[in-house]
Amino acid sequence: MAVVWRQALSVSNNLIDADHQHLLSLINTFEDIFTADRPIGDLLAAIGELRDYTHAHFAREERIMLALRYHKYDQHKLAHARLIEQLDLAAKPLRELGEVLSATAAALPEEIRDSLVGLLRQWLIEHILGEDLQLKPLLAEQSKNFAP
């Protein structure tokens, strides 16, 4: 089932909200690869795209936090680093399997699929709700298009 953007996830900044919406879309694409019986190479490419976009998003978000003089900047930046680390660790078994299997993503062991999909859904939603929404009061004082 696709993860759907809802207004409750908005941080009151068009740039960050658009990034979050795109990240949700990438996660949904990732899940579609599993269910559409596509090659593992497609899955690895999707993980690479998700990782690259996550890096770009985190950099934008961190610039905004610095411009706002967000008092939890260091803690938030550390959470970003941990998320990238978790994504890399979760993707490692897929890269290893991709080197030895010519199978499709649907043929991967269920525990690997469930673990990765669960991680992606959990870290993005929990990060937005637990960390990013703390920026909302500061961002609400700015233009919706605020970008340093």
C-alpha atoms as a PDB file:
ATOM      1  CA  MET A   1       0.000   0.000   0.000  1.00  0.00           C
ATOM      2  CA  ALA A   2       1.398   3.369  -1.031  1.00  0.00           C
ATOM      3  CA  VAL A   3       2.400   5.952   1.540  1.00  0.00           C
ATOM      4  CA  VAL A   4       0.288   9.041   0.920  1.00  0.00           C
ATOM      5  CA  TRP A   5       1.266  12.632   1.681  1.00  0.00           C
ATOM      6  CA  ARG A   6      -1.089  14.367   4.048  1.00  0.00           C
ATOM      7  CA  GLN A   7      -1.173  17.919   5.337  1.00  0.00           C
ATOM      8  CA  ALA A   8      -0.287  16.735   8.854  1.00  0.00           C
ATOM      9  CA  LEU A   9       3.240  16.098   7.500  1.00  0.00           C
ATOM     10  CA  SER A  10       3.698  19.696   6.318  1.00  0.00           C
ATOM     11  CA  VAL A  11       6.395  21.780   8.001  1.00  0.00           C
ATOM     12  CA  SER A  12       5.049  25.036   6.463  1.00  0.00           C
ATOM     13  CA  ASN A  13       7.874  25.339   3.945  1.00  0.00           C
ATOM     14  CA  ASN A  14       7.262  24.578   0.269  1.00  0.00           C
ATOM     15  CA  LEU A  15      10.837  23.433  -0.385  1.00  0.00           C
ATOM     16  CA  ILE A  16      11.001  20.955   2.497  1.00  0.00           C
ATOM     17  CA  ASP A  17       7.429  19.765   1.916  1.00  0.00           C
ATOM     18  CA  ALA A  18       8.176  19.166  -1.787  1.00  0.00           C
ATOM     19  CA  ASP A  19      11.285  17.201  -0.812  1.00  0.00           C
ATOM     20  CA  HIS A  20       9.291  15.087   1.622  1.00  0.00           C
ATOM     21  CA  GLN A  21       6.637  14.423  -1.021  1.00  0.00           C
ATOM     22  CA  HIS A  22       9.320  13.341  -3.486  1.00  0.00           C
ATOM     23  CA  LEU A  23      10.913  11.059  -0.886  1.00  0.00           C
ATOM     24  CA  LEU A  24       7.525   9.447  -0.287  1.00  0.00           C
ATOM     25  CA  SER A  25       7.179   8.955  -4.035  1.00  0.00           C
ATOM     26  CA  LEU A  26      10.602   7.310  -4.200  1.00  0.00           C
ATOM     27  CA  ILE A  27       9.667   4.956  -1.366  1.00  0.00           C
ATOM     28  CA  ASN A  28       6.436   4.078  -3.165  1.00  0.00           C
ATOM     29  CA  THR A  29       8.395   3.402  -6.378  1.00  0.00           C
ATOM     30  CA  PHE A  30      10.729   1.195  -4.371  1.00  0.00           C
ATOM     31  CA  GLU A  31       7.783  -0.841  -3.074  1.00  0.00           C
ATOM     32  CA  ASP A  32       6.317  -1.079  -6.590  1.00  0.00           C
ATOM     33  CA  ILE A  33       9.544  -2.697  -7.811  1.00  0.00           C
ATOM     34  CA  PHE A  34       9.031  -5.515  -5.314  1.00  0.00           C
ATOM     35  CA  THR A  35       5.451  -6.145  -6.351  1.00  0.00           C
ATOM     36  CA  ALA A  36       6.001  -5.744 -10.113  1.00  0.00           C
ATOM     37  CA  ASP A  37       8.607  -8.526 -10.283  1.00  0.00           C
ATOM     38  CA  ARG A  38      11.270  -6.209 -11.709  1.00  0.00           C
ATOM     39  CA  PRO A  39      15.014  -7.007 -11.798  1.00  0.00           C
ATOM     40  CA  ILE A  40      17.135  -6.541  -8.691  1.00  0.00           C
ATOM     41  CA  GLY A  41      19.120  -3.992 -10.707  1.00  0.00           C
ATOM     42  CA  ASP A  42      16.025  -1.757 -10.768  1.00  0.00           C
ATOM     43  CA  LEU A  43      15.791  -2.082  -7.012  1.00  0.00           C
ATOM     44  CA  LEU A  44      19.445  -1.153  -6.562  1.00  0.00           C
ATOM     45  CA  ALA A  45      19.001   1.852  -8.871  1.00  0.00           C
ATOM     46  CA  ALA A  46      15.976   2.965  -6.837  1.00  0.00           C
ATOM     47  CA  ILE A  47      17.982   2.686  -3.616  1.00  0.00           C
ATOM     48  CA  GLY A  48      20.759   4.749  -5.178  1.00  0.00           C
ATOM     49  CA  GLU A  49      18.285   7.412  -6.281  1.00  0.00           C
ATOM     50  CA  LEU A  50      16.688   7.460  -2.830  1.00  0.00           C
ATOM     51  CA  ARG A  51      20.088   7.789  -1.166  1.00  0.00           C
ATOM     52  CA  ASP A  52      21.194  10.601  -3.506  1.00  0.00           C
ATOM     53  CA  TYR A  53      17.963  12.525  -3.086  1.00  0.00           C
ATOM     54  CA  THR A  54      18.065  12.026   0.674  1.00  0.00           C
ATOM     55  CA  HIS A  55      21.560  13.550   0.766  1.00  0.00           C
ATOM     56  CA  ALA A  56      20.403  16.544  -1.282  1.00  0.00           C
ATOM     57  CA  HIS A  57      17.305  16.996   0.873  1.00  0.00           C
ATOM     58  CA  PHE A  58      19.242  16.785   4.120  1.00  0.00           C
ATOM     59  CA  ALA A  59      21.719  19.406   2.856  1.00  0.00           C
ATOM     60  CA  ARG A  60      18.840  21.782   1.961  1.00  0.00           C
ATOM     61  CA  GLU A  61      17.122  21.188   5.267  1.00  0.00           C
ATOM     62  CA  GLU A  62      20.353  21.771   7.193  1.00  0.00           C
ATOM     63  CA  ARG A  63      20.951  25.098   5.370  1.00  0.00           C
ATOM     64  CA  ILE A  64      17.456  26.180   6.363  1.00  0.00           C
ATOM     65  CA  MET A  65      18.037  25.129   9.977  1.00  0.00           C
ATOM     66  CA  LEU A  66      21.272  27.128  10.099  1.00  0.00           C
ATOM     67  CA  ALA A  67      19.568  30.191   8.620  1.00  0.00           C
ATOM     68  CA  LEU A  68      16.823  29.908  11.243  1.00  0.00           C
ATOM     69  CA  ARG A  69      19.421  29.399  13.985  1.00  0.00           C
ATOM     70  CA  TYR A  70      17.607  26.234  14.983  1.00  0.00           C
ATOM     71  CA  HIS A  71      18.743  25.321  18.495  1.00  0.00           C
ATOM     72  CA  LYS A  72      18.656  21.561  17.810  1.00  0.00           C
ATOM     73  CA  TYR A  73      20.692  21.775  14.601  1.00  0.00           C
ATOM     74  CA  ASP A  74      23.528  19.498  15.792  1.00  0.00           C
ATOM     75  CA  GLN A  75      21.113  16.853  17.071  1.00  0.00           C
ATOM     76  CA  HIS A  76      19.063  16.993  13.857  1.00  0.00           C
ATOM     77  CA  LYS A  77      22.142  16.768  11.650  1.00  0.00           C
ATOM     78  CA  LEU A  78      23.252  13.702  13.617  1.00  0.00           C
ATOM     79  CA  ALA A  79      19.820  12.122  13.039  1.00  0.00           C
ATOM     80  CA  HIS A  80      20.307  12.716   9.304  1.00  0.00           C
ATOM     81  CA  ALA A  81      23.687  10.960   9.376  1.00  0.00           C
ATOM     82  CA  ARG A  82      22.140   8.014  11.230  1.00  0.00           C
ATOM     83  CA  LEU A  83      19.360   7.715   8.655  1.00  0.00           C
ATOM     84  CA  ILE A  84      21.859   7.562   5.786  1.00  0.00           C
ATOM     85  CA  GLU A  85      23.839   4.947   7.716  1.00  0.00           C
ATOM     86  CA  GLN A  86      20.688   2.849   8.264  1.00  0.00           C
ATOM     87  CA  LEU A  87      19.821   3.060   4.574  1.00  0.00           C
ATOM     88  CA  ASP A  88      23.323   1.954   3.592  1.00  0.00           C
ATOM     89  CA  LEU A  89      23.234  -0.971   6.039  1.00  0.00           C
ATOM     90  CA  ALA A  90      19.794  -2.068   4.847  1.00  0.00           C
ATOM     91  CA  ALA A  91      20.851  -1.885   1.180  1.00  0.00           C
ATOM     92  CA  LYS A  92      24.040  -3.899   1.689  1.00  0.00           C
ATOM     93  CA  PRO A  93      22.382  -7.369   1.525  1.00  0.00           C
ATOM     94  CA  LEU A  94      20.598  -6.321  -1.670  1.00  0.00           C
ATOM     95  CA  ARG A  95      23.846  -5.248  -3.308  1.00  0.00           C
ATOM     96  CA  GLU A  96      25.451  -8.545  -2.309  1.00  0.00           C
ATOM     97  CA  LEU A  97      22.508 -10.584  -3.580  1.00  0.00           C
ATOM     98  CA  GLY A  98      22.373  -8.534  -6.750  1.00  0.00           C
ATOM     99  CA  GLU A  99      25.951  -9.543  -7.523  1.00  0.00           C
ATOM    100  CA  VAL A 100      25.162 -13.265  -7.367  1.00  0.00           C
ATOM    101  CA  LEU A 101      21.524 -13.454  -8.434  1.00  0.00           C
ATOM    102  CA  SER A 102      19.920 -12.556 -11.695  1.00  0.00           C
ATOM    103  CA  ALA A 103      16.532 -12.878 -10.019  1.00  0.00           C
ATOM    104  CA  THR A 104      13.846 -10.291  -9.717  1.00  0.00           C
ATOM    105  CA  ALA A 105      13.093  -8.213  -6.651  1.00  0.00           C
ATOM    106  CA  ALA A 106      10.004 -10.317  -5.941  1.00  0.00           C
ATOM    107  CA  ALA A 107      12.265 -13.388  -5.599  1.00  0.00           C
ATOM    108  CA  LEU A 108      14.198 -11.868  -2.706  1.00  0.00           C
ATOM    109  CA  PRO A 109      13.631 -13.433   0.689  1.00  0.00           C
ATOM    110  CA  GLU A 110      10.540 -11.972   2.339  1.00  0.00           C
ATOM    111  CA  GLU A 111      12.437 -10.931   5.458  1.00  0.00           C
ATOM    112  CA  ILE A 112      14.778  -8.743   3.373  1.00  0.00           C
ATOM    113  CA  ARG A 113      11.858  -7.142   1.520  1.00  0.00           C
ATOM    114  CA  ASP A 114       9.851  -6.537   4.684  1.00  0.00           C
ATOM    115  CA  SER A 115      12.856  -5.224   6.586  1.00  0.00           C
ATOM    116  CA  LEU A 116      13.810  -2.734   3.912  1.00  0.00           C
ATOM    117  CA  VAL A 117      10.284  -1.518   3.186  1.00  0.00           C
ATOM    118  CA  GLY A 118       9.575  -1.207   6.907  1.00  0.00           C
ATOM    119  CA  LEU A 119      12.764   0.738   7.466  1.00  0.00           C
ATOM    120  CA  LEU A 120      12.049   3.162   4.637  1.00  0.00           C
ATOM    121  CA  ARG A 121       8.505   3.836   5.758  1.00  0.00           C
ATOM    122  CA  GLN A 122       9.485   4.098   9.408  1.00  0.00           C
ATOM    123  CA  TRP A 123      12.497   6.348   9.070  1.00  0.00           C
ATOM    124  CA  LEU A 124      10.890   8.802   6.725  1.00  0.00           C
ATOM    125  CA  ILE A 125       7.569   9.143   8.509  1.00  0.00           C
ATOM    126  CA  GLU A 126       9.093   9.043  11.998  1.00  0.00           C
ATOM    127  CA  HIS A 127      11.782  11.515  11.001  1.00  0.00           C
ATOM    128  CA  ILE A 128       9.248  13.951   9.564  1.00  0.00           C
ATOM    129  CA  LEU A 129       6.891  13.601  12.519  1.00  0.00           C
ATOM    130  CA  GLY A 130       9.531  13.378  15.231  1.00  0.00           C
ATOM    131  CA  GLU A 131      12.203  15.744  14.011  1.00  0.00           C
ATOM    132  CA  ASP A 132      11.159  17.919  11.089  1.00  0.00           C
ATOM    133  CA  LEU A 133       7.841  19.062  12.518  1.00  0.00           C
ATOM    134  CA  GLN A 134       9.813  20.682  15.341  1.00  0.00           C
ATOM    135  CA  LEU A 135      10.919  23.220  12.714  1.00  0.00           C
ATOM    136  CA  LYS A 136       7.333  24.194  11.916  1.00  0.00           C
ATOM    137  CA  PRO A 137       6.991  27.051  14.448  1.00  0.00           C
ATOM    138  CA  LEU A 138      10.162  28.707  13.095  1.00  0.00           C
ATOM    139  CA  LEU A 139       9.186  28.106   9.481  1.00  0.00           C
ATOM    140  CA  ALA A 140       5.661  29.431  10.077  1.00  0.00           C
ATOM    141  CA  GLU A 141       7.245  32.831  10.809  1.00  0.00           C
ATOM    142  CA  GLN A 142       8.844  32.845   7.331  1.00  0.00           C
ATOM    143  CA  SER A 143       7.497  32.934   3.806  1.00  0.00           C
ATOM    144  CA  LYS A 144       6.298  29.507   2.609  1.00  0.00           C
ATOM    145  CA  ASN A 145       9.063  29.787  -0.025  1.00  0.00           C
ATOM    146  CA  PHE A 146      11.812  30.591   2.493  1.00  0.00           C
ATOM    147  CA  ALA A 147      15.178  29.300   1.320  1.00  0.00           C
ATOM    148  CA  PRO A 148      18.548  30.717   2.390  1.00  0.00           C
END
